[in-house]
Amino acid sequence: MELRWLHAGDVDAVVGAGHLFDDDATREWAERFLDEPTHHLCIAYVDGEPAGFVSGMEMTHPDKGTEMFLYELGVDERHQGQGIATALIETLADLAAGRGCYGMWVLTDDDNAAAMSAYTRAGARNPTPQTMLEWTFN
């Protein structure tokens, strides 16, 4: 397995890994994401093919400093159970620590057994129950 961080100009690699995302990645949105210096995307390759990814975004607040939000994690079904998710989470955590983040966080559903397993294997803990509220805009 090879882990590769993508940067501005790697739009083709994002689009080429489109099967890993919930929906089709567009060139415009991929370019916008990659152009942000505090947005991070790592793709795991197995035998030269995209097998998984993790994305994160640094968030800074005046009284808290900077933390990493693990935005999304995905592993192709054919490659699940091989440690790819754990490796991706750990590499994002390493990047966050190296960039001076004081921590990293993620949201997932309690009944998402695969996600809960991957995050806890990579060292995450659930300190308190949370409720997520959302706004949806057109």
C-alpha atoms as a PDB file:
ATOM      1  CA  MET A   1       0.000   0.000   0.000  1.00  0.00           C
ATOM      2  CA  GLU A   2       1.184   3.506  -0.856  1.00  0.00           C
ATOM      3  CA  LEU A   3      -0.249   6.577   0.885  1.00  0.00           C
ATOM      4  CA  ARG A   4      -0.079   9.734  -1.195  1.00  0.00           C
ATOM      5  CA  TRP A   5      -1.012  13.263  -0.120  1.00  0.00           C
ATOM      6  CA  LEU A   6      -2.624  15.232  -2.921  1.00  0.00           C
ATOM      7  CA  HIS A   7      -1.919  18.890  -3.580  1.00  0.00           C
ATOM      8  CA  ALA A   8      -3.041  21.663  -5.908  1.00  0.00           C
ATOM      9  CA  GLY A   9      -2.785  20.297  -9.436  1.00  0.00           C
ATOM     10  CA  ASP A  10      -3.720  16.724  -8.459  1.00  0.00           C
ATOM     11  CA  VAL A  11      -7.329  17.110  -9.628  1.00  0.00           C
ATOM     12  CA  ASP A  12      -7.028  14.140 -12.021  1.00  0.00           C
ATOM     13  CA  ALA A  13      -6.052  11.891  -9.103  1.00  0.00           C
ATOM     14  CA  VAL A  14      -9.153  12.977  -7.166  1.00  0.00           C
ATOM     15  CA  VAL A  15     -11.455  12.400 -10.129  1.00  0.00           C
ATOM     16  CA  GLY A  16      -9.714   9.068 -10.801  1.00  0.00           C
ATOM     17  CA  ALA A  17     -10.556   7.958  -7.269  1.00  0.00           C
ATOM     18  CA  GLY A  18     -14.190   8.946  -7.666  1.00  0.00           C
ATOM     19  CA  HIS A  19     -15.495   5.464  -6.858  1.00  0.00           C
ATOM     20  CA  LEU A  20     -14.283   5.950  -3.271  1.00  0.00           C
ATOM     21  CA  PHE A  21     -16.452   9.007  -2.610  1.00  0.00           C
ATOM     22  CA  ASP A  22     -20.150   9.126  -1.752  1.00  0.00           C
ATOM     23  CA  ASP A  23     -20.867  10.996  -4.992  1.00  0.00           C
ATOM     24  CA  ASP A  24     -18.930  11.848  -8.131  1.00  0.00           C
ATOM     25  CA  ALA A  25     -16.087  14.279  -7.513  1.00  0.00           C
ATOM     26  CA  THR A  26     -16.258  17.280  -9.810  1.00  0.00           C
ATOM     27  CA  ARG A  27     -13.154  18.914 -11.206  1.00  0.00           C
ATOM     28  CA  GLU A  28     -14.295  22.316  -9.924  1.00  0.00           C
ATOM     29  CA  TRP A  29     -14.851  21.157  -6.339  1.00  0.00           C
ATOM     30  CA  ALA A  30     -11.688  19.032  -6.318  1.00  0.00           C
ATOM     31  CA  GLU A  31      -9.637  22.007  -7.476  1.00  0.00           C
ATOM     32  CA  ARG A  32     -11.208  24.281  -4.881  1.00  0.00           C
ATOM     33  CA  PHE A  33     -10.546  21.729  -2.110  1.00  0.00           C
ATOM     34  CA  LEU A  34      -6.934  21.123  -3.136  1.00  0.00           C
ATOM     35  CA  ASP A  35      -6.210  24.847  -3.502  1.00  0.00           C
ATOM     36  CA  GLU A  36      -6.910  25.427   0.199  1.00  0.00           C
ATOM     37  CA  PRO A  37      -3.678  25.032   2.196  1.00  0.00           C
ATOM     38  CA  THR A  38      -5.613  23.863   5.273  1.00  0.00           C
ATOM     39  CA  HIS A  39      -7.534  21.147   3.400  1.00  0.00           C
ATOM     40  CA  HIS A  40      -5.878  17.746   3.174  1.00  0.00           C
ATOM     41  CA  LEU A  41      -6.597  14.648   1.083  1.00  0.00           C
ATOM     42  CA  CYS A  42      -4.638  11.405   1.186  1.00  0.00           C
ATOM     43  CA  ILE A  43      -5.327   8.471  -1.117  1.00  0.00           C
ATOM     44  CA  ALA A  44      -4.201   4.924  -0.404  1.00  0.00           C
ATOM     45  CA  TYR A  45      -3.135   2.980  -3.494  1.00  0.00           C
ATOM     46  CA  VAL A  46      -2.926  -0.795  -3.730  1.00  0.00           C
ATOM     47  CA  ASP A  47      -1.186  -2.104  -6.846  1.00  0.00           C
ATOM     48  CA  GLY A  48      -1.429   1.391  -8.338  1.00  0.00           C
ATOM     49  CA  GLU A  49      -5.216   1.606  -7.915  1.00  0.00           C
ATOM     50  CA  PRO A  50      -7.036   3.935  -5.474  1.00  0.00           C
ATOM     51  CA  ALA A  51      -8.220   1.796  -2.554  1.00  0.00           C
ATOM     52  CA  GLY A  52      -9.158   4.364   0.092  1.00  0.00           C
ATOM     53  CA  PHE A  53      -8.922   7.979   1.151  1.00  0.00           C
ATOM     54  CA  VAL A  54      -9.128  10.317   4.106  1.00  0.00           C
ATOM     55  CA  SER A  55      -9.803  14.035   4.020  1.00  0.00           C
ATOM     56  CA  GLY A  56      -9.318  16.577   6.756  1.00  0.00           C
ATOM     57  CA  MET A  57      -9.689  20.281   7.306  1.00  0.00           C
ATOM     58  CA  GLU A  58      -7.837  22.441   9.786  1.00  0.00           C
ATOM     59  CA  MET A  59     -10.115  24.652  11.852  1.00  0.00           C
ATOM     60  CA  THR A  60      -8.749  27.559  13.883  1.00  0.00           C
ATOM     61  CA  HIS A  61     -10.534  29.551  16.556  1.00  0.00           C
ATOM     62  CA  PRO A  62      -9.104  32.609  18.337  1.00  0.00           C
ATOM     63  CA  ASP A  63      -9.337  31.104  21.830  1.00  0.00           C
ATOM     64  CA  LYS A  64      -8.679  27.453  21.051  1.00  0.00           C
ATOM     65  CA  GLY A  65      -6.009  27.248  18.384  1.00  0.00           C
ATOM     66  CA  THR A  66      -6.129  24.805  15.488  1.00  0.00           C
ATOM     67  CA  GLU A  67      -7.661  21.341  15.379  1.00  0.00           C
ATOM     68  CA  MET A  68      -8.096  18.843  12.551  1.00  0.00           C
ATOM     69  CA  PHE A  69     -11.585  17.820  11.479  1.00  0.00           C
ATOM     70  CA  LEU A  70     -11.503  14.369   9.887  1.00  0.00           C
ATOM     71  CA  TYR A  71     -14.036  15.184   7.195  1.00  0.00           C
ATOM     72  CA  GLU A  72     -14.424  11.830   5.463  1.00  0.00           C
ATOM     73  CA  LEU A  73     -12.914   8.363   5.288  1.00  0.00           C
ATOM     74  CA  GLY A  74     -13.645   5.751   2.648  1.00  0.00           C
ATOM     75  CA  VAL A  75     -12.192   2.381   1.691  1.00  0.00           C
ATOM     76  CA  ASP A  76     -13.225   0.367  -1.358  1.00  0.00           C
ATOM     77  CA  GLU A  77     -15.180  -2.737  -0.285  1.00  0.00           C
ATOM     78  CA  ARG A  78     -12.601  -4.999  -1.969  1.00  0.00           C
ATOM     79  CA  HIS A  79      -9.899  -3.608   0.346  1.00  0.00           C
ATOM     80  CA  GLN A  80     -11.736  -3.390   3.658  1.00  0.00           C
ATOM     81  CA  GLY A  81     -10.317  -5.287   6.601  1.00  0.00           C
ATOM     82  CA  GLN A  82      -6.705  -4.826   5.446  1.00  0.00           C
ATOM     83  CA  GLY A  83      -5.719  -1.954   7.748  1.00  0.00           C
ATOM     84  CA  ILE A  84      -6.104   0.750   5.110  1.00  0.00           C
ATOM     85  CA  ALA A  85      -8.591   2.816   7.147  1.00  0.00           C
ATOM     86  CA  THR A  86      -6.361   2.703  10.215  1.00  0.00           C
ATOM     87  CA  ALA A  87      -3.300   3.731   8.179  1.00  0.00           C
ATOM     88  CA  LEU A  88      -5.207   6.643   6.626  1.00  0.00           C
ATOM     89  CA  ILE A  89      -6.505   7.869   9.991  1.00  0.00           C
ATOM     90  CA  GLU A  90      -3.059   7.612  11.554  1.00  0.00           C
ATOM     91  CA  THR A  91      -1.400   9.481   8.692  1.00  0.00           C
ATOM     92  CA  LEU A  92      -3.930  12.316   9.036  1.00  0.00           C
ATOM     93  CA  ALA A  93      -3.322  12.397  12.803  1.00  0.00           C
ATOM     94  CA  ASP A  94       0.434  12.571  12.180  1.00  0.00           C
ATOM     95  CA  LEU A  95      -0.060  15.418   9.701  1.00  0.00           C
ATOM     96  CA  ALA A  96      -2.283  17.254  12.195  1.00  0.00           C
ATOM     97  CA  ALA A  97       0.261  16.936  14.992  1.00  0.00           C
ATOM     98  CA  GLY A  98       3.056  18.016  12.655  1.00  0.00           C
ATOM     99  CA  ARG A  99       1.083  21.113  11.658  1.00  0.00           C
ATOM    100  CA  GLY A 100       0.569  22.130  15.284  1.00  0.00           C
ATOM    101  CA  CYS A 101      -3.029  20.992  15.746  1.00  0.00           C
ATOM    102  CA  TYR A 102      -3.961  20.385  19.368  1.00  0.00           C
ATOM    103  CA  GLY A 103      -6.305  17.527  18.426  1.00  0.00           C
ATOM    104  CA  MET A 104      -8.442  15.854  15.793  1.00  0.00           C
ATOM    105  CA  TRP A 105     -12.139  14.984  15.746  1.00  0.00           C
ATOM    106  CA  VAL A 106     -14.714  13.205  13.604  1.00  0.00           C
ATOM    107  CA  LEU A 107     -18.469  12.660  13.583  1.00  0.00           C
ATOM    108  CA  THR A 108     -20.040   9.302  12.763  1.00  0.00           C
ATOM    109  CA  ASP A 109     -23.216   7.427  13.537  1.00  0.00           C
ATOM    110  CA  ASP A 110     -23.190   5.178  16.613  1.00  0.00           C
ATOM    111  CA  ASP A 111     -24.511   2.292  14.520  1.00  0.00           C
ATOM    112  CA  ASN A 112     -21.756   2.573  11.885  1.00  0.00           C
ATOM    113  CA  ALA A 113     -19.780  -0.410  13.167  1.00  0.00           C
ATOM    114  CA  ALA A 114     -17.048  -0.193  10.515  1.00  0.00           C
ATOM    115  CA  ALA A 115     -16.361   3.482  11.227  1.00  0.00           C
ATOM    116  CA  MET A 116     -16.473   3.039  15.003  1.00  0.00           C
ATOM    117  CA  SER A 117     -14.049   0.128  14.729  1.00  0.00           C
ATOM    118  CA  ALA A 118     -11.634   1.986  12.436  1.00  0.00           C
ATOM    119  CA  TYR A 119     -11.579   5.134  14.555  1.00  0.00           C
ATOM    120  CA  THR A 120     -11.087   3.330  17.853  1.00  0.00           C
ATOM    121  CA  ARG A 121      -8.350   1.089  16.354  1.00  0.00           C
ATOM    122  CA  ALA A 122      -6.562   4.282  15.336  1.00  0.00           C
ATOM    123  CA  GLY A 123      -6.709   5.608  18.902  1.00  0.00           C
ATOM    124  CA  ALA A 124      -9.892   7.706  18.995  1.00  0.00           C
ATOM    125  CA  ARG A 125     -12.101   7.710  22.044  1.00  0.00           C
ATOM    126  CA  ASN A 126     -15.694   8.813  22.611  1.00  0.00           C
ATOM    127  CA  PRO A 127     -15.466  11.184  25.604  1.00  0.00           C
ATOM    128  CA  THR A 128     -19.174  12.105  25.802  1.00  0.00           C
ATOM    129  CA  PRO A 129     -22.384  11.471  23.865  1.00  0.00           C
ATOM    130  CA  GLN A 130     -22.990  14.105  21.217  1.00  0.00           C
ATOM    131  CA  THR A 131     -25.903  15.301  19.125  1.00  0.00           C
ATOM    132  CA  MET A 132     -25.352  16.646  15.652  1.00  0.00           C
ATOM    133  CA  LEU A 133     -27.747  19.261  14.312  1.00  0.00           C
ATOM    134  CA  GLU A 134     -27.664  20.382  10.706  1.00  0.00           C
ATOM    135  CA  TRP A 135     -28.874  23.048   8.345  1.00  0.00           C
ATOM    136  CA  THR A 136     -29.441  22.196   4.690  1.00  0.00           C
ATOM    137  CA  PHE A 137     -29.144  24.895   2.046  1.00  0.00           C
ATOM    138  CA  ASN A 138     -30.064  24.639  -1.611  1.00  0.00           C
END
